[in-house]
Protein backbone atom coordinates (compact mmCIF):
# COMPACT_ATOMS: atom_id res chain seq x y z
CA MET A 1 -31.98 66.73 -2.56
CA LYS A 2 -31.84 68.57 -5.89
CA SER A 3 -29.38 68.12 -8.73
CA CYS A 4 -28.60 69.79 -12.04
CA TYR A 5 -26.43 69.13 -15.07
CA VAL A 6 -23.22 71.12 -15.55
CA SER A 7 -21.08 71.30 -18.70
CA ILE A 8 -17.39 71.19 -17.73
CA ASP A 9 -15.18 70.75 -20.83
CA ARG A 10 -14.82 68.66 -23.97
CA LEU A 11 -13.37 65.60 -22.28
CA THR A 12 -15.39 65.60 -19.06
CA GLY A 13 -18.59 66.56 -20.84
CA VAL A 14 -21.83 67.12 -18.93
CA VAL A 15 -22.04 65.79 -15.38
CA GLU A 16 -24.83 65.67 -12.82
CA LEU A 17 -23.99 67.51 -9.59
CA GLU A 18 -25.79 68.33 -6.39
CA ALA A 19 -27.27 71.80 -6.77
CA VAL A 20 -27.01 74.71 -4.36
CA ASP A 21 -29.65 77.30 -3.58
CA ASP A 22 -30.52 80.11 -5.99
CA ILE A 23 -28.95 78.50 -9.04
CA LYS A 24 -30.26 78.80 -12.59
CA VAL A 25 -29.37 77.86 -16.14
CA GLY A 26 -26.34 79.73 -17.49
CA ASP A 27 -24.62 80.31 -14.14
CA CYS A 28 -20.88 79.63 -13.91
CA VAL A 29 -20.19 77.39 -10.93
CA ILE A 30 -17.11 75.89 -9.30
CA SER A 31 -17.08 72.20 -8.40
CA GLU A 32 -14.61 69.57 -7.22
CA LEU A 33 -14.11 66.64 -9.58
CA ASP A 34 -11.67 63.74 -9.71
CA LYS A 35 -9.12 65.66 -11.74
CA GLY A 36 -9.32 68.80 -9.56
CA THR A 37 -11.23 72.06 -9.23
CA CYS A 38 -13.16 72.91 -12.39
CA LEU A 39 -15.39 75.71 -13.61
CA GLY A 40 -18.56 74.79 -15.52
CA ILE A 41 -21.84 76.18 -16.81
CA VAL A 42 -25.25 75.02 -15.57
CA VAL A 43 -27.31 73.63 -18.47
CA SER A 44 -30.47 72.41 -16.68
CA GLU A 45 -32.83 73.54 -13.95
CA PRO A 46 -32.45 71.92 -10.52
CA MET A 47 -34.71 68.90 -9.99
CA ASP A 48 -35.33 66.37 -7.26
CA THR A 49 -33.21 63.23 -7.33
CA ALA A 50 -32.75 60.12 -5.23
CA ARG A 51 -29.05 59.67 -6.03
CA GLU A 52 -26.66 60.11 -3.14
CA ASP A 53 -23.27 59.57 -4.82
CA LEU A 54 -23.22 62.85 -6.73
CA GLY A 55 -20.52 65.47 -6.57
CA LYS A 56 -21.44 68.83 -5.15
CA ILE A 57 -21.29 72.33 -6.57
CA ALA A 58 -19.09 74.38 -4.28
CA ARG A 59 -20.36 77.85 -5.15
CA ILE A 60 -21.16 80.26 -7.94
CA ALA A 61 -18.06 81.78 -9.58
CA THR A 62 -17.40 85.52 -9.38
CA GLU A 63 -16.85 87.80 -12.36
CA GLU A 64 -13.13 88.05 -11.65
CA GLU A 65 -12.75 84.25 -11.52
CA ILE A 66 -14.59 83.90 -14.79
CA ARG A 67 -12.33 86.51 -16.46
CA ASP A 68 -9.13 84.85 -15.21
CA HIS A 69 -10.34 81.46 -16.40
CA LYS A 70 -10.93 82.79 -19.91
CA LEU A 71 -7.35 84.10 -20.00
CA LEU A 72 -6.09 80.65 -19.07
CA LYS A 73 -8.13 79.10 -21.87
CA GLU A 74 -6.47 81.43 -24.35
CA ARG A 75 -3.04 80.28 -23.19
CA GLU A 76 -3.98 76.66 -23.90
CA ILE A 77 -3.34 77.26 -27.61
CA TYR A 78 0.27 78.28 -27.00
CA ALA A 79 0.78 75.34 -24.62
CA PHE A 80 -0.54 72.93 -27.24
CA ASP A 81 1.77 74.27 -29.97
CA PHE A 82 4.83 74.26 -27.69
CA CYS A 83 4.25 70.69 -26.54
CA LYS A 84 3.66 69.47 -30.09
CA LYS A 85 6.93 71.08 -31.18
CA LYS A 86 8.87 69.35 -28.38
CA ILE A 87 7.31 66.00 -29.25
CA GLY A 88 8.57 66.38 -32.82
CA GLU A 89 12.07 67.36 -31.67
CA MET A 90 12.31 64.35 -29.33
CA ALA A 91 10.69 62.01 -31.91
CA LEU A 92 8.31 60.54 -29.34
CA PRO A 93 5.72 58.02 -30.67
CA MET A 94 2.69 59.91 -29.37
CA LYS A 95 -0.11 62.09 -30.76
CA LEU A 96 -1.12 65.17 -28.79
CA LEU A 97 -4.88 65.69 -28.61
CA SER A 98 -5.70 68.52 -26.24
CA THR A 99 -4.38 70.84 -23.53
CA GLU A 100 -6.34 72.01 -20.49
CA TYR A 101 -5.72 74.48 -17.67
CA LEU A 102 -7.53 73.69 -14.46
CA PHE A 103 -9.38 76.41 -12.57
CA GLY A 104 -7.00 78.88 -10.94
CA GLY A 105 -4.02 77.76 -13.05
CA THR A 106 -3.02 75.09 -10.52
CA LYS A 107 -2.32 72.36 -13.10
CA LEU A 108 -1.75 72.00 -16.85
CA LEU A 109 -3.00 68.77 -18.43
CA PHE A 110 -1.87 67.33 -21.76
CA TYR A 111 -3.95 64.52 -23.33
CA PHE A 112 -2.27 62.25 -25.88
CA ILE A 113 -2.78 58.90 -27.54
CA SER A 114 -0.19 56.24 -28.29
CA GLU A 115 -0.19 52.56 -29.15
CA ASN A 116 2.73 51.79 -26.84
CA ARG A 117 4.07 53.01 -23.54
CA VAL A 118 6.00 56.27 -23.91
CA ASP A 119 8.87 57.54 -21.78
CA PHE A 120 8.09 61.26 -21.61
CA ARG A 121 10.17 62.25 -18.56
CA GLU A 122 12.38 64.59 -20.59
CA LEU A 123 9.29 66.13 -22.16
CA VAL A 124 7.80 66.86 -18.74
CA LYS A 125 11.00 68.59 -17.68
CA GLU A 126 10.92 70.85 -20.74
CA LEU A 127 7.24 71.70 -20.17
CA ALA A 128 7.77 72.47 -16.49
CA LYS A 129 10.73 74.70 -17.33
CA GLU A 130 8.62 76.63 -19.84
CA PHE A 131 5.33 77.04 -17.97
CA LYS A 132 6.60 76.84 -14.36
CA ILE A 133 3.47 75.00 -13.26
CA ARG A 134 2.52 71.47 -12.33
CA ILE A 135 2.47 69.36 -15.52
CA GLU A 136 0.48 66.15 -16.03
CA LEU A 137 0.40 64.01 -19.21
CA ARG A 138 -2.54 61.61 -19.58
CA GLN A 139 -2.73 58.81 -22.11
CA VAL A 140 -6.26 58.14 -23.39
CA GLY A 141 -7.88 55.55 -25.68
CA VAL A 142 -9.43 55.75 -29.11
CA ARG A 143 -12.92 56.40 -27.74
CA ASP A 144 -11.64 59.34 -25.72
CA GLU A 145 -9.88 60.58 -28.84
CA ALA A 146 -13.20 60.66 -30.70
CA LYS A 147 -14.75 62.51 -27.77
CA ILE A 148 -12.03 65.18 -27.74
CA VAL A 149 -11.63 65.63 -31.49
CA GLY A 150 -15.28 65.09 -32.45
CA GLY A 151 -16.73 64.19 -35.82
CA LEU A 152 -19.82 62.88 -37.62
CA GLY A 153 -21.25 59.45 -37.10
CA ASN A 154 -22.90 57.07 -39.57
CA CYS A 155 -26.24 58.77 -38.92
CA GLY A 156 -24.92 62.17 -40.07
CA ASN A 157 -25.06 63.80 -36.62
CA ALA A 158 -22.20 64.70 -34.33
CA VAL A 159 -20.93 61.73 -32.37
CA CYS A 160 -22.81 61.05 -29.14
CA CYS A 161 -19.66 60.98 -27.03
CA ARG A 162 -18.94 64.58 -28.00
CA ARG A 163 -22.47 65.84 -27.43
CA PHE A 164 -23.77 64.25 -24.22
CA LEU A 165 -22.10 60.97 -23.24
CA ASN A 166 -19.98 61.12 -20.09
CA ASN A 167 -19.14 57.47 -19.42
CA PHE A 168 -18.64 54.85 -22.10
CA SER A 169 -20.93 51.87 -21.57
CA ILE A 170 -20.01 48.33 -22.58
CA VAL A 171 -21.18 47.45 -26.10
CA SER A 172 -20.98 43.80 -27.18
CA ILE A 173 -21.65 41.90 -30.38
CA LYS A 174 -24.60 40.25 -28.62
CA MET A 175 -26.47 43.56 -28.78
CA VAL A 176 -25.96 43.64 -32.55
CA LYS A 177 -27.34 40.13 -33.01
CA GLU A 178 -30.29 40.77 -30.71
CA GLN A 179 -31.38 43.73 -32.85
CA GLY A 180 -31.07 41.75 -36.09
CA LEU A 181 -28.39 43.96 -37.62
CA ALA A 182 -25.91 42.80 -40.24
CA LEU A 183 -22.48 41.96 -38.87
CA ASN A 184 -20.77 44.44 -41.17
CA PRO A 185 -17.90 46.29 -39.43
CA ALA A 186 -18.39 49.34 -41.64
CA LYS A 187 -22.01 49.74 -40.50
CA ILE A 188 -21.77 48.90 -36.79
CA SER A 189 -18.46 50.65 -35.99
CA GLY A 190 -18.01 54.31 -35.11
CA ILE A 191 -15.25 56.72 -36.11
CA CYS A 192 -13.16 55.37 -33.24
CA GLY A 193 -13.16 51.86 -34.74
CA ARG A 194 -15.16 50.38 -31.86
CA LEU A 195 -18.81 49.31 -31.81
CA MET A 196 -21.12 52.31 -31.89
CA CYS A 197 -22.35 53.48 -28.48
CA CYS A 198 -25.91 53.89 -29.81
CA LEU A 199 -26.22 50.09 -30.12
CA ALA A 200 -26.82 50.00 -26.38
CA TYR A 201 -29.66 52.54 -26.42
CA GLU A 202 -32.42 50.20 -27.63
CA TYR A 203 -31.01 46.89 -26.41
CA GLU A 204 -33.30 46.68 -23.38
CA THR A 205 -36.30 47.59 -25.55
CA TYR A 206 -35.58 44.74 -27.95
CA LEU A 207 -35.25 42.31 -25.06
CA SER A 208 -38.65 43.30 -23.68
CA LEU A 209 -40.34 43.14 -27.11
CA LYS A 210 -38.87 39.72 -27.94
CA LYS A 211 -39.73 38.26 -24.58
CA ASN A 212 -42.72 36.28 -25.95
CA PHE A 213 -41.18 35.40 -29.31
CA PRO A 214 -40.47 31.72 -30.09
CA LYS A 215 -36.82 30.81 -30.28
CA MET A 216 -34.98 30.59 -33.57
CA GLY A 217 -35.27 27.13 -35.13
CA LYS A 218 -38.28 26.11 -33.04
CA ARG A 219 -41.19 24.40 -34.79
CA VAL A 220 -44.43 26.37 -34.74
CA LYS A 221 -47.91 26.10 -36.20
CA THR A 222 -49.25 28.80 -38.54
CA PRO A 223 -52.50 29.14 -40.56
CA GLN A 224 -50.52 28.03 -43.66
CA GLY A 225 -49.00 24.99 -41.96
CA GLU A 226 -46.15 23.97 -39.69
CA GLY A 227 -42.54 25.07 -39.98
CA LYS A 228 -39.57 26.44 -38.09
CA VAL A 229 -38.79 30.03 -37.11
CA VAL A 230 -35.99 31.62 -39.13
CA LYS A 231 -36.29 35.35 -38.36
CA HIS A 232 -37.67 37.81 -35.79
CA ASN A 233 -39.02 41.32 -36.32
CA ALA A 234 -39.55 42.82 -32.88
CA LEU A 235 -40.73 46.25 -34.03
CA ASN A 236 -43.52 44.82 -36.24
CA SER A 237 -44.26 41.87 -33.92
CA THR A 238 -43.87 39.41 -36.78
CA VAL A 239 -41.86 36.24 -37.35
CA SER A 240 -40.64 34.57 -40.52
CA VAL A 241 -41.39 30.86 -40.72
CA GLN A 242 -40.01 28.35 -43.20
CA LEU A 243 -42.71 25.78 -43.93
CA ASP A 244 -41.99 22.08 -44.38
CA GLU A 245 -42.45 22.37 -48.16
CA GLY A 246 -39.68 25.02 -48.30
CA LYS A 247 -41.78 28.18 -48.58
CA GLU A 248 -40.94 31.10 -46.25
CA ILE A 249 -43.80 33.23 -44.92
CA THR A 250 -44.15 36.17 -42.50
CA VAL A 251 -46.95 36.01 -39.96
CA LEU A 252 -47.99 37.99 -36.92
CA LEU A 253 -46.87 36.81 -33.54
CA LYS A 254 -50.46 36.29 -32.37
CA ASP A 255 -51.09 33.82 -35.25
CA VAL A 256 -48.20 31.57 -34.24
CA SER A 257 -48.54 28.73 -31.75
CA PRO A 258 -46.14 25.99 -30.68
CA ALA A 259 -46.35 22.84 -32.79
CA GLU A 260 -47.30 19.57 -31.14
CA GLN A 261 -44.26 17.40 -30.80
CA GLN A 262 -44.46 13.61 -30.81
CA LYS A 263 -43.72 12.04 -27.50
CA ALA A 264 -40.51 10.09 -27.51
CA PRO A 265 -40.59 6.49 -26.14
CA PRO A 266 -39.66 6.29 -22.48
CA PRO A 267 -36.02 5.45 -21.89
CA PRO A 268 -35.23 1.95 -20.60
CA ILE A 269 -34.79 1.47 -16.89
CA PRO A 270 -31.09 1.24 -16.02
CA GLY A 271 -31.67 -1.84 -13.84
CA ASP A 272 -33.17 -3.86 -16.70
CA LYS A 273 -30.18 -3.56 -19.06
CA ASN A 274 -28.47 -6.75 -17.77
CA LYS A 275 -31.65 -8.84 -17.76
CA PRO A 276 -32.31 -11.20 -20.75
CA ARG A 277 -34.94 -10.00 -23.20
CA ASN A 278 -36.72 -13.42 -23.66
CA GLY A 279 -37.51 -15.92 -20.99
CA GLY A 280 -36.62 -18.79 -23.35
CA ASP A 281 -33.01 -17.61 -23.48
CA ARG A 282 -32.43 -18.27 -19.81
CA PRO A 283 -31.95 -22.10 -20.03
CA GLN A 284 -29.62 -21.64 -23.01
CA GLY A 285 -27.61 -19.11 -21.10
CA ARG A 286 -27.37 -21.45 -18.15
CA ASP A 287 -26.29 -24.37 -20.35
CA ARG A 288 -23.76 -22.33 -22.32
CA GLN A 289 -22.23 -20.33 -19.54
CA PRO A 290 -21.48 -22.15 -16.31
CA THR A 291 -21.14 -20.24 -13.15
CA GLY A 292 -17.83 -18.90 -11.98
CA GLY A 293 -17.55 -21.60 -9.31
CA ASP A 294 -18.20 -24.46 -11.77
CA GLN A 295 -15.69 -23.09 -14.22
CA GLY A 296 -13.05 -23.02 -11.54
CA LYS A 297 -13.88 -26.53 -10.39
CA SER A 298 -13.82 -28.05 -13.88
CA ARG A 299 -10.59 -26.32 -14.73
CA ASN A 300 -8.93 -27.41 -11.48
CA GLY A 301 -10.12 -31.00 -11.86
CA GLY A 302 -8.91 -31.28 -15.45
CA ASP A 303 -5.58 -29.75 -14.65
CA ARG A 304 -5.02 -32.14 -11.76
CA ALA A 305 -5.84 -35.19 -13.92
CA GLN A 306 -3.51 -34.04 -16.66
CA ALA A 307 -0.80 -33.37 -14.11
CA LYS A 308 -1.16 -36.89 -12.71
CA ASP A 309 -0.98 -38.45 -16.17
CA ARG A 310 1.94 -36.37 -17.34
CA GLN A 311 4.00 -36.28 -14.19
CA SER A 312 4.76 -39.31 -12.04
CA SER A 313 6.76 -39.47 -8.84
CA PRO A 314 10.45 -38.49 -8.95
CA GLY A 315 11.58 -42.04 -8.02
CA SER A 316 9.69 -43.74 -10.80
CA HIS A 317 11.13 -41.31 -13.29
CA GLY A 318 14.61 -42.29 -12.26
CA LYS A 319 13.81 -46.02 -12.36
CA ALA A 320 12.20 -45.86 -15.77
CA ARG A 321 15.04 -43.91 -17.20
CA ASN A 322 17.71 -46.23 -15.70
CA GLY A 323 15.92 -49.41 -16.79
CA GLY A 324 15.42 -48.21 -20.31
CA ASP A 325 19.03 -47.08 -20.63
CA ARG A 326 20.34 -50.44 -19.41
CA ALA A 327 18.18 -52.40 -21.86
CA GLN A 328 19.25 -50.24 -24.74
CA ALA A 329 22.90 -50.64 -23.73
CA LYS A 330 22.58 -54.47 -23.70
CA ASP A 331 21.00 -54.50 -27.15
CA ARG A 332 23.45 -52.08 -28.71
CA GLN A 333 26.77 -53.29 -27.21
CA PRO A 334 27.97 -56.95 -27.82
CA ALA A 335 29.91 -58.95 -25.23
CA SER A 336 33.53 -58.07 -24.62
CA GLY A 337 34.76 -61.46 -26.00
CA ASP A 338 32.93 -61.08 -29.27
CA GLN A 339 34.31 -57.68 -30.16
CA ASN A 340 37.52 -59.19 -31.79
CA LYS A 341 35.70 -61.84 -33.82
CA PRO A 342 35.23 -61.18 -37.57
CA LYS A 343 31.81 -60.22 -38.66
CA ASN A 344 30.15 -62.96 -40.71
CA SER A 345 26.64 -62.45 -41.84
CA ASN A 346 26.36 -66.05 -43.18
CA GLY A 347 27.08 -67.79 -39.90
CA PRO A 348 24.47 -68.63 -37.36
CA LYS A 349 23.75 -65.97 -34.84
CA LYS A 350 24.77 -66.69 -31.32
CA ASP A 351 22.53 -65.94 -28.49
CA ASN A 352 24.07 -63.56 -26.02
CA ASN A 353 22.31 -65.30 -23.18
CA GLN A 354 24.19 -68.56 -23.65
């Protein structure tokens, strides 16, 4: 199967399509894309390809079809001005970017950008009333805006998305760090405000070149001494090493070798953690710490002895208490006959037992 590249329009760009017979550079062809039937110009010679998911060129356009399509392109200017005027009258928060007629005048597309969701139902009604054709408004992002409007990049050339890029690839900050670029937004961002698409062009090359490089911070051995790696230079195949005395040098990758690291002592065996360190400590441990069974026995025996000493039988408690109370009552209270006698401390004391 053969394929060729066809330039469609500013937003679609250049796409690869399955070629038909007797096609050459500069021919106007008709093809079916996702947005509908489009007319494009062949920009490359047919070549063999192994891809099977390509769109197909339907046929070569006739002179009449090419003339009618040019007339539609001229009407795009009026459609753009009319739509922009209606947007201003309705005060809609949207910026109109481009207008496009599809091949045959079957559909009129309006591309706009907006930070928020826009209710443009009334605008569509006004456009359909004016052009009496199927109207479609498409909201695009900032990268598509740069592709439609165009401009100059940091390198001084026209932006890649306007010249040849069809699909926007994912660009991450990891690609910037891998290439050793400064994390300055003004230098790594494009006119769209996103990371530049060209950062992904050489990412795979840097990965392959730095495949054998030592990691950052790793200790290495150089002819000037040992140190740690602080910087990579993949294009020159050199590394910057900070020596132990503080000096930073740049050496070739072939002159760098891993430094010998001292072997760490083997970790202790988990099963030996509970064992005593010295054999002489074992008798002391046995004398100081009785076994669980002995502790229970000693505690139980002591508690029982204390309980026997402190607590006697219920009957004896009652007897002891009664006997003691009676003796105290006899000593404290005199006889009933002696209560009316006058108290005389000089007289002889009478015995209560007589």
